[in-house]
Amino acid sequence: MPEKGSENMESQNRFLEEKIYEQEKPNKGKYLETDSFQYNSQDLDQEQKVDVNPVQVNTQNVNVYVKNEKIDYSGKITGVTILKKNSETVQYVNIFLYFCQKCGLPVFETNSDSSGNFIIEDIPPGYYILCAQLGSNLKCQSYHIKVLPGQSVHQTLMLS
């Protein structure tokens, strides 16, 4: 004996099959027009296998290049020590380097060589004061020396 649900479905299918009709279209003649429906009746108690833990493998290549270049931002101050009265070079003069303002201890100390030249290297960028002294009589101060990153500054110190 057929079930009640299957009788309903059969009657719906028959109804749809009877719904075919002919229609005239201007300048074209006759054609058949149908509506197409499909019913899917599935038993909801069916067992279905679904993988709830799918495996997905992703591969990614990352290339890292490291440059071992040292960027040197330090500057240097070079110069010469000269007597103001006769413009002769003075040798072995004590030279003191201070940050912006002359207070406390100097940042760097050096002496001019036998030609009167001096070099102060590897100093950070900024403003400096140079002081030169030979004995207690000859002195010189040079203010607002600006050293930029990687810059070499030449300073002439005139002792009086």
Protein backbone atom coordinates (compact mmCIF):
# COMPACT_ATOMS: atom_id res chain seq x y z
CA MET A 1 0.00 0.00 0.00
CA PRO A 2 1.50 3.31 -1.03
CA GLU A 3 2.17 5.87 1.61
CA LYS A 4 0.18 9.09 1.83
CA GLY A 5 3.26 11.27 1.15
CA SER A 6 4.09 9.44 -2.06
CA GLU A 7 0.47 9.84 -3.33
CA ASN A 8 0.72 13.62 -2.82
CA MET A 9 3.95 13.73 -4.76
CA GLU A 10 2.53 11.72 -7.65
CA SER A 11 -0.50 13.99 -7.87
CA GLN A 12 1.76 17.06 -7.91
CA ASN A 13 3.84 15.55 -10.74
CA ARG A 14 0.65 14.82 -12.76
CA PHE A 15 -0.57 18.35 -12.21
CA LEU A 16 2.69 19.75 -13.54
CA GLU A 17 2.64 17.49 -16.56
CA GLU A 18 -0.85 18.72 -17.46
CA LYS A 19 0.31 22.33 -17.29
CA ILE A 20 1.84 22.20 -20.75
CA TYR A 21 0.04 24.54 -23.08
CA GLU A 22 0.43 25.95 -26.51
CA GLN A 23 0.71 29.64 -27.12
CA GLU A 24 1.00 31.71 -30.27
CA LYS A 25 3.81 34.19 -30.60
CA PRO A 26 3.58 37.02 -33.14
CA ASN A 27 5.39 36.27 -36.40
CA LYS A 28 6.72 32.96 -35.06
CA GLY A 29 4.01 30.36 -35.06
CA LYS A 30 3.39 27.90 -32.26
CA TYR A 31 5.75 26.60 -29.59
CA LEU A 32 5.52 24.60 -26.40
CA GLU A 33 6.19 26.25 -23.05
CA THR A 34 6.74 24.13 -19.97
CA ASP A 35 7.57 24.83 -16.37
CA SER A 36 10.21 22.52 -14.94
CA PHE A 37 10.23 21.68 -11.25
CA GLN A 38 12.11 18.97 -9.49
CA TYR A 39 11.23 17.80 -6.02
CA ASN A 40 13.75 16.04 -3.87
CA SER A 41 12.41 13.99 -1.03
CA GLN A 42 15.22 12.58 1.05
CA ASP A 43 14.98 10.60 4.19
CA LEU A 44 16.43 12.80 6.94
CA ASP A 45 17.56 9.78 8.91
CA GLN A 46 20.17 8.82 6.34
CA GLU A 47 23.72 8.63 7.62
CA GLN A 48 26.18 10.88 5.85
CA LYS A 49 29.93 10.85 6.24
CA VAL A 50 31.38 14.29 6.66
CA ASP A 51 35.00 14.95 7.58
CA VAL A 52 34.85 17.58 10.31
CA ASN A 53 38.63 17.81 10.65
CA PRO A 54 39.95 18.34 7.12
CA VAL A 55 43.68 18.53 6.64
CA GLN A 56 45.08 21.45 4.71
CA VAL A 57 48.77 21.90 3.99
CA ASN A 58 50.10 25.36 3.23
CA THR A 59 53.67 25.87 2.16
CA GLN A 60 55.23 29.28 2.19
CA ASN A 61 58.81 30.25 1.42
CA VAL A 62 60.21 33.32 3.13
CA ASN A 63 63.57 34.64 2.00
CA VAL A 64 65.37 36.95 4.40
CA TYR A 65 68.45 38.86 3.31
CA VAL A 66 70.53 40.56 5.97
CA LYS A 67 73.02 43.21 5.01
CA ASN A 68 75.86 43.55 7.43
CA GLU A 69 76.62 47.13 6.53
CA LYS A 70 77.51 49.46 9.34
CA ILE A 71 76.24 52.96 8.86
CA ASP A 72 78.60 55.34 10.57
CA TYR A 73 77.02 58.61 11.66
CA SER A 74 80.02 59.83 13.61
CA GLY A 75 81.87 62.93 12.54
CA LYS A 76 85.32 64.33 13.04
CA ILE A 77 86.97 67.64 13.70
CA THR A 78 90.38 68.40 12.24
CA GLY A 79 92.34 71.59 12.61
CA VAL A 80 95.54 73.46 13.07
CA THR A 81 96.85 75.64 15.92
CA ILE A 82 98.36 79.01 14.91
CA LEU A 83 99.79 82.01 16.75
CA LYS A 84 97.62 85.05 16.08
CA LYS A 85 100.41 87.62 16.01
CA ASN A 86 102.64 86.02 13.33
CA SER A 87 100.49 83.19 11.85
CA GLU A 88 103.06 80.51 12.70
CA THR A 89 101.90 77.01 13.62
CA VAL A 90 102.23 76.03 17.26
CA GLN A 91 103.10 72.48 18.25
CA TYR A 92 101.96 70.38 21.21
CA VAL A 93 99.00 72.56 22.20
CA ASN A 94 96.45 71.02 24.63
CA ILE A 95 93.02 70.83 22.96
CA PHE A 96 89.75 70.24 24.84
CA LEU A 97 86.36 69.42 23.30
CA TYR A 98 83.12 70.29 25.14
CA PHE A 99 79.44 69.74 24.34
CA CYS A 100 77.49 72.94 23.54
CA GLN A 101 78.38 74.67 26.79
CA LYS A 102 81.69 74.71 28.55
CA CYS A 103 80.92 73.20 31.91
CA GLY A 104 82.55 70.45 33.88
CA LEU A 105 84.90 68.01 32.25
CA PRO A 106 85.70 67.99 28.53
CA VAL A 107 84.29 65.25 26.29
CA PHE A 108 87.63 64.73 24.54
CA GLU A 109 91.25 65.82 25.08
CA THR A 110 94.16 65.70 22.65
CA ASN A 111 97.35 67.54 21.69
CA SER A 112 98.41 69.03 18.39
CA ASP A 113 101.33 67.28 16.70
CA SER A 114 104.74 68.69 15.73
CA SER A 115 103.11 70.42 12.72
CA GLY A 116 100.32 71.99 14.80
CA ASN A 117 97.62 69.68 13.38
CA PHE A 118 95.05 67.82 15.45
CA ILE A 119 92.26 65.28 14.78
CA ILE A 120 89.26 64.41 16.94
CA GLU A 121 87.44 61.40 15.47
CA ASP A 122 84.32 59.33 16.17
CA ILE A 123 82.23 62.06 17.74
CA PRO A 124 78.43 62.07 17.56
CA PRO A 125 76.66 64.78 15.56
CA GLY A 126 75.95 67.97 17.50
CA TYR A 127 77.31 71.36 18.55
CA TYR A 128 80.72 71.63 20.22
CA ILE A 129 83.17 74.08 21.76
CA LEU A 130 86.92 73.74 21.17
CA CYS A 131 89.41 75.16 23.65
CA ALA A 132 93.15 75.31 23.06
CA GLN A 133 95.74 76.16 25.65
CA LEU A 134 99.54 76.34 25.66
CA GLY A 135 100.91 77.06 29.11
CA SER A 136 99.07 79.76 31.01
CA ASN A 137 99.50 82.61 28.49
CA LEU A 138 98.26 81.34 25.11
CA LYS A 139 94.55 80.42 24.90
CA CYS A 140 91.77 80.12 22.31
CA GLN A 141 88.07 79.19 22.34
CA SER A 142 85.98 78.38 19.29
CA TYR A 143 82.19 78.27 19.83
CA HIS A 144 79.25 76.71 17.97
CA ILE A 145 81.10 74.14 15.90
CA LYS A 146 78.35 72.16 14.15
CA VAL A 147 79.13 68.54 13.26
CA LEU A 148 76.59 66.77 11.03
CA PRO A 149 76.35 62.96 10.62
CA GLY A 150 79.41 61.67 8.74
CA GLN A 151 80.82 65.20 8.35
CA SER A 152 84.42 66.27 8.75
CA VAL A 153 84.87 69.82 10.04
CA HIS A 154 88.15 71.77 9.78
CA GLN A 155 88.79 74.40 12.46
CA THR A 156 91.71 76.77 12.75
CA LEU A 157 92.53 77.75 16.35
CA MET A 158 94.36 81.08 16.68
CA LEU A 159 96.14 81.39 20.03
CA SER A 160 96.60 84.83 21.48
